């Protein structure tokens, strides 16, 4: 799922527009929010037998 500004830019690029309308302040705020998200996906807990089904630690 893209942030609103990135979604708007993607749509404009797909439509072949040459003048892309970018709200720099909004885009920067959205990028900073995304940068703050820490997430690591190592393995799917439901499919892997090499992790604890309760806590997700590797066995």
PDB file of N, CA and C in Angstrom:
ATOM      1  N   UNK A   1       0.845  -1.171   0.000  1.00  0.00           N
ATOM      2  CA  UNK A   1       0.000   0.000   0.000  1.00  0.00           C
ATOM      3  C   UNK A   1       0.892   1.234   0.000  1.00  0.00           C
ATOM      4  N   UNK A   2       0.663   2.097  -0.938  1.00  0.00           N
ATOM      5  CA  UNK A   2       1.453   3.316  -1.058  1.00  0.00           C
ATOM      6  C   UNK A   2       0.818   4.460  -0.286  1.00  0.00           C
ATOM      7  N   UNK A   3       1.649   5.387   0.109  1.00  0.00           N
ATOM      8  CA  UNK A   3       1.144   6.597   0.756  1.00  0.00           C
ATOM      9  C   UNK A   3       0.404   7.433  -0.287  1.00  0.00           C
ATOM     10  N   UNK A   4      -0.434   8.370   0.134  1.00  0.00           N
ATOM     11  CA  UNK A   4      -1.228   9.150  -0.826  1.00  0.00           C
ATOM     12  C   UNK A   4      -0.397   9.873  -1.891  1.00  0.00           C
ATOM     13  N   UNK A   5       0.695  10.511  -1.505  1.00  0.00           N
ATOM     14  CA  UNK A   5       1.514  11.238  -2.482  1.00  0.00           C
ATOM     15  C   UNK A   5       2.194  10.287  -3.460  1.00  0.00           C
ATOM     16  N   UNK A   6       2.724   9.164  -2.954  1.00  0.00           N
ATOM     17  CA  UNK A   6       3.359   8.195  -3.845  1.00  0.00           C
ATOM     18  C   UNK A   6       2.339   7.575  -4.790  1.00  0.00           C
ATOM     19  N   UNK A   7       1.146   7.328  -4.294  1.00  0.00           N
ATOM     20  CA  UNK A   7       0.082   6.786  -5.134  1.00  0.00           C
ATOM     21  C   UNK A   7      -0.285   7.768  -6.245  1.00  0.00           C
ATOM     22  N   UNK A   8      -0.348   9.045  -5.891  1.00  0.00           N
ATOM     23  CA  UNK A   8      -0.665  10.088  -6.872  1.00  0.00           C
ATOM     24  C   UNK A   8       0.425  10.164  -7.944  1.00  0.00           C
ATOM     25  N   UNK A   9       1.683  10.111  -7.527  1.00  0.00           N
ATOM     26  CA  UNK A   9       2.799  10.154  -8.478  1.00  0.00           C
ATOM     27  C   UNK A   9       2.769   8.925  -9.382  1.00  0.00           C
ATOM     28  N   UNK A  10       2.521   7.752  -8.810  1.00  0.00           N
ATOM     29  CA  UNK A  10       2.453   6.510  -9.588  1.00  0.00           C
ATOM     30  C   UNK A  10       1.368   6.603 -10.651  1.00  0.00           C
ATOM     31  N   UNK A  11       0.195   7.104 -10.263  1.00  0.00           N
ATOM     32  CA  UNK A  11      -0.916   7.247 -11.203  1.00  0.00           C
ATOM     33  C   UNK A  11      -0.542   8.184 -12.345  1.00  0.00           C
ATOM     34  N   UNK A  12       0.080   9.309 -12.006  1.00  0.00           N
ATOM     35  CA  UNK A  12       0.472  10.271 -13.036  1.00  0.00           C
ATOM     36  C   UNK A  12       1.510   9.674 -13.983  1.00  0.00           C
ATOM     37  N   UNK A  13       2.442   8.893 -13.462  1.00  0.00           N
ATOM     38  CA  UNK A  13       3.443   8.246 -14.310  1.00  0.00           C
ATOM     39  C   UNK A  13       2.799   7.207 -15.222  1.00  0.00           C
ATOM     40  N   UNK A  14       1.851   6.434 -14.684  1.00  0.00           N
ATOM     41  CA  UNK A  14       1.164   5.418 -15.485  1.00  0.00           C
ATOM     42  C   UNK A  14       0.336   6.049 -16.593  1.00  0.00           C
ATOM     43  N   UNK A  15      -0.188   7.247 -16.337  1.00  0.00           N
ATOM     44  CA  UNK A  15      -0.977   7.949 -17.349  1.00  0.00           C
ATOM     45  C   UNK A  15      -0.096   8.614 -18.400  1.00  0.00           C
ATOM     46  N   UNK A  16       1.213   8.571 -18.197  1.00  0.00           N
ATOM     47  CA  UNK A  16       2.140   9.130 -19.172  1.00  0.00           C
ATOM     48  C   UNK A  16       2.289  10.638 -19.107  1.00  0.00           C
ATOM     49  N   UNK A  17       1.912  11.224 -17.989  1.00  0.00           N
ATOM     50  CA  UNK A  17       2.033  12.672 -17.857  1.00  0.00           C
ATOM     51  C   UNK A  17       3.508  13.060 -17.799  1.00  0.00           C
ATOM     52  N   UNK A  18       3.825  14.186 -18.422  1.00  0.00           N
ATOM     53  CA  UNK A  18       5.207  14.658 -18.406  1.00  0.00           C
ATOM     54  C   UNK A  18       5.448  15.652 -17.279  1.00  0.00           C
ATOM     55  N   UNK A  19       4.421  16.372 -16.873  1.00  0.00           N
ATOM     56  CA  UNK A  19       4.536  17.305 -15.752  1.00  0.00           C
ATOM     57  C   UNK A  19       3.893  16.669 -14.526  1.00  0.00           C
ATOM     58  N   UNK A  20       4.716  16.100 -13.681  1.00  0.00           N
ATOM     59  CA  UNK A  20       4.233  15.420 -12.486  1.00  0.00           C
ATOM     60  C   UNK A  20       4.041  16.448 -11.378  1.00  0.00           C
ATOM     61  N   UNK A  21       2.842  16.441 -10.787  1.00  0.00           N
ATOM     62  CA  UNK A  21       2.503  17.371  -9.711  1.00  0.00           C
ATOM     63  C   UNK A  21       2.920  16.755  -8.378  1.00  0.00           C
ATOM     64  N   UNK A  22       3.933  17.350  -7.732  1.00  0.00           N
ATOM     65  CA  UNK A  22       4.450  16.812  -6.476  1.00  0.00           C
ATOM     66  C   UNK A  22       4.353  17.869  -5.385  1.00  0.00           C
ATOM     67  N   UNK A  23       3.713  17.497  -4.279  1.00  0.00           N
ATOM     68  CA  UNK A  23       3.717  18.349  -3.093  1.00  0.00           C
ATOM     69  C   UNK A  23       4.927  17.906  -2.270  1.00  0.00           C
ATOM     70  N   UNK A  24       6.016  18.640  -2.393  1.00  0.00           N
ATOM     71  CA  UNK A  24       7.284  18.228  -1.793  1.00  0.00           C
ATOM     72  C   UNK A  24       7.195  18.069  -0.285  1.00  0.00           C
ATOM     73  N   UNK A  25       6.493  18.965   0.379  1.00  0.00           N
ATOM     74  CA  UNK A  25       6.394  18.894   1.840  1.00  0.00           C
ATOM     75  C   UNK A  25       5.626  17.660   2.290  1.00  0.00           C
ATOM     76  N   UNK A  26       4.507  17.371   1.608  1.00  0.00           N
ATOM     77  CA  UNK A  26       3.721  16.178   1.961  1.00  0.00           C
ATOM     78  C   UNK A  26       4.508  14.909   1.669  1.00  0.00           C
ATOM     79  N   UNK A  27       5.168  14.884   0.513  1.00  0.00           N
ATOM     80  CA  UNK A  27       5.944  13.710   0.135  1.00  0.00           C
ATOM     81  C   UNK A  27       7.073  13.472   1.129  1.00  0.00           C
ATOM     82  N   UNK A  28       7.775  14.517   1.519  1.00  0.00           N
ATOM     83  CA  UNK A  28       8.851  14.383   2.496  1.00  0.00           C
ATOM     84  C   UNK A  28       8.318  13.868   3.832  1.00  0.00           C
ATOM     85  N   UNK A  29       7.171  14.367   4.264  1.00  0.00           N
ATOM     86  CA  UNK A  29       6.575  13.903   5.519  1.00  0.00           C
ATOM     87  C   UNK A  29       6.224  12.417   5.430  1.00  0.00           C
ATOM     88  N   UNK A  30       5.663  11.998   4.300  1.00  0.00           N
ATOM     89  CA  UNK A  30       5.300  10.591   4.119  1.00  0.00           C
ATOM     90  C   UNK A  30       6.543   9.709   4.084  1.00  0.00           C
ATOM     91  N   UNK A  31       7.595  10.159   3.416  1.00  0.00           N
ATOM     92  CA  UNK A  31       8.828   9.379   3.360  1.00  0.00           C
ATOM     93  C   UNK A  31       9.465   9.258   4.742  1.00  0.00           C
ATOM     94  N   UNK A  32       9.411  10.320   5.518  1.00  0.00           N
ATOM     95  CA  UNK A  32       9.949  10.269   6.881  1.00  0.00           C
ATOM     96  C   UNK A  32       9.156   9.301   7.747  1.00  0.00           C
ATOM     97  N   UNK A  33       7.833   9.260   7.565  1.00  0.00           N
ATOM     98  CA  UNK A  33       6.999   8.303   8.305  1.00  0.00           C
ATOM     99  C   UNK A  33       7.369   6.878   7.930  1.00  0.00           C
ATOM    100  N   UNK A  34       7.559   6.642   6.625  1.00  0.00           N
ATOM    101  CA  UNK A  34       7.895   5.299   6.163  1.00  0.00           C
ATOM    102  C   UNK A  34       9.276   4.880   6.652  1.00  0.00           C
ATOM    103  N   UNK A  35      10.205   5.827   6.710  1.00  0.00           N
ATOM    104  CA  UNK A  35      11.557   5.520   7.163  1.00  0.00           C
ATOM    105  C   UNK A  35      11.564   5.114   8.637  1.00  0.00           C
ATOM    106  N   UNK A  36      10.638   5.662   9.404  1.00  0.00           N
ATOM    107  CA  UNK A  36      10.578   5.372  10.836  1.00  0.00           C
ATOM    108  C   UNK A  36      10.021   3.980  11.134  1.00  0.00           C
ATOM    109  N   UNK A  37       9.375   3.366  10.151  1.00  0.00           N
ATOM    110  CA  UNK A  37       8.785   2.041  10.350  1.00  0.00           C
ATOM    111  C   UNK A  37       9.887   0.996  10.303  1.00  0.00           C
ATOM    112  N   UNK A  38      10.006   0.257  11.380  1.00  0.00           N
ATOM    113  CA  UNK A  38      10.989  -0.812  11.419  1.00  0.00           C
ATOM    114  C   UNK A  38      10.260  -2.134  11.277  1.00  0.00           C
ATOM    115  N   UNK A  39      10.639  -2.876  10.286  1.00  0.00           N
ATOM    116  CA  UNK A  39      10.003  -4.162  10.091  1.00  0.00           C
ATOM    117  C   UNK A  39      10.947  -5.126   9.401  1.00  0.00           C
ATOM    118  N   UNK A  40      10.982  -6.325   9.901  1.00  0.00           N
ATOM    119  CA  UNK A  40      11.824  -7.346   9.309  1.00  0.00           C
ATOM    120  C   UNK A  40      10.973  -8.595   9.148  1.00  0.00           C
ATOM    121  N   UNK A  41      10.951  -9.114   7.955  1.00  0.00           N
ATOM    122  CA  UNK A  41      10.195 -10.328   7.690  1.00  0.00           C
ATOM    123  C   UNK A  41      11.196 -11.423   7.372  1.00  0.00           C
ATOM    124  N   UNK A  42      11.387 -12.329   8.309  1.00  0.00           N
ATOM    125  CA  UNK A  42      12.352 -13.397   8.099  1.00  0.00           C
ATOM    126  C   UNK A  42      11.681 -14.617   7.485  1.00  0.00           C
ATOM    127  N   UNK A  43      10.626 -15.070   8.101  1.00  0.00           N
ATOM    128  CA  UNK A  43       9.929 -16.248   7.622  1.00  0.00           C
ATOM    129  C   UNK A  43       8.463 -16.147   8.007  1.00  0.00           C
ATOM    130  N   UNK A  44       7.637 -16.841   7.264  1.00  0.00           N
ATOM    131  CA  UNK A  44       6.228 -16.915   7.613  1.00  0.00           C
ATOM    132  C   UNK A  44       6.077 -17.916   8.752  1.00  0.00           C
ATOM    133  N   UNK A  45       5.485 -17.473   9.839  1.00  0.00           N
ATOM    134  CA  UNK A  45       5.327 -18.358  10.995  1.00  0.00           C
ATOM    135  C   UNK A  45       4.406 -19.531  10.696  1.00  0.00           C
ATOM    136  N   UNK A  46       3.403 -19.306   9.888  1.00  0.00           N
ATOM    137  CA  UNK A  46       2.435 -20.367   9.634  1.00  0.00           C
ATOM    138  C   UNK A  46       2.988 -21.447   8.709  1.00  0.00           C
ATOM    139  N   UNK A  47       3.989 -21.125   7.896  1.00  0.00           N
ATOM    140  CA  UNK A  47       4.499 -22.094   6.935  1.00  0.00           C
ATOM    141  C   UNK A  47       5.808 -22.743   7.372  1.00  0.00           C
ATOM    142  N   UNK A  48       6.529 -22.124   8.255  1.00  0.00           N
ATOM    143  CA  UNK A  48       7.842 -22.620   8.629  1.00  0.00           C
ATOM    144  C   UNK A  48       7.763 -23.495   9.868  1.00  0.00           C
ATOM    145  N   UNK A  49       8.501 -24.598   9.845  1.00  0.00           N
ATOM    146  CA  UNK A  49       8.603 -25.446  11.032  1.00  0.00           C
ATOM    147  C   UNK A  49       9.885 -25.151  11.791  1.00  0.00           C
ATOM    148  N   UNK A  50      10.679 -24.192  11.307  1.00  0.00           N
ATOM    149  CA  UNK A  50      11.959 -23.871  11.929  1.00  0.00           C
ATOM    150  C   UNK A  50      11.864 -22.692  12.884  1.00  0.00           C
ATOM    151  N   UNK A  51      10.656 -22.267  13.203  1.00  0.00           N
ATOM    152  CA  UNK A  51      10.461 -21.182  14.164  1.00  0.00           C
ATOM    153  C   UNK A  51       9.423 -21.609  15.193  1.00  0.00           C
ATOM    154  N   UNK A  52       9.528 -21.025  16.371  1.00  0.00           N
ATOM    155  CA  UNK A  52       8.566 -21.304  17.431  1.00  0.00           C
ATOM    156  C   UNK A  52       7.209 -20.731  17.020  1.00  0.00           C
ATOM    157  N   UNK A  53       6.143 -21.542  17.031  1.00  0.00           N
ATOM    158  CA  UNK A  53       4.829 -21.043  16.618  1.00  0.00           C
ATOM    159  C   UNK A  53       4.252 -20.003  17.570  1.00  0.00           C
ATOM    160  N   UNK A  54       4.771 -19.948  18.791  1.00  0.00           N
ATOM    161  CA  UNK A  54       4.265 -18.995  19.774  1.00  0.00           C
ATOM    162  C   UNK A  54       4.949 -17.640  19.677  1.00  0.00           C
ATOM    163  N   UNK A  55       6.295 -17.648  19.688  1.00  0.00           N
ATOM    164  CA  UNK A  55       7.018 -16.374  19.744  1.00  0.00           C
ATOM    165  C   UNK A  55       7.707 -16.006  18.442  1.00  0.00           C
ATOM    166  N   UNK A  56       7.900 -16.951  17.529  1.00  0.00           N
ATOM    167  CA  UNK A  56       8.519 -16.657  16.245  1.00  0.00           C
ATOM    168  C   UNK A  56      10.029 -16.744  16.225  1.00  0.00           C
ATOM    169  N   UNK A  57      10.642 -17.123  17.352  1.00  0.00           N
ATOM    170  CA  UNK A  57      12.106 -17.238  17.377  1.00  0.00           C
ATOM    171  C   UNK A  57      12.539 -18.449  16.562  1.00  0.00           C
ATOM    172  N   UNK A  58      13.702 -18.305  15.914  1.00  0.00           N
ATOM    173  CA  UNK A  58      14.241 -19.442  15.158  1.00  0.00           C
ATOM    174  C   UNK A  58      14.609 -20.580  16.104  1.00  0.00           C
ATOM    175  N   UNK A  59      14.361 -21.805  15.663  1.00  0.00           N
ATOM    176  CA  UNK A  59      14.693 -22.983  16.484  1.00  0.00           C
ATOM    177  C   UNK A  59      16.074 -23.486  16.148  1.00  0.00           C
TER     178      UNK A  59
END
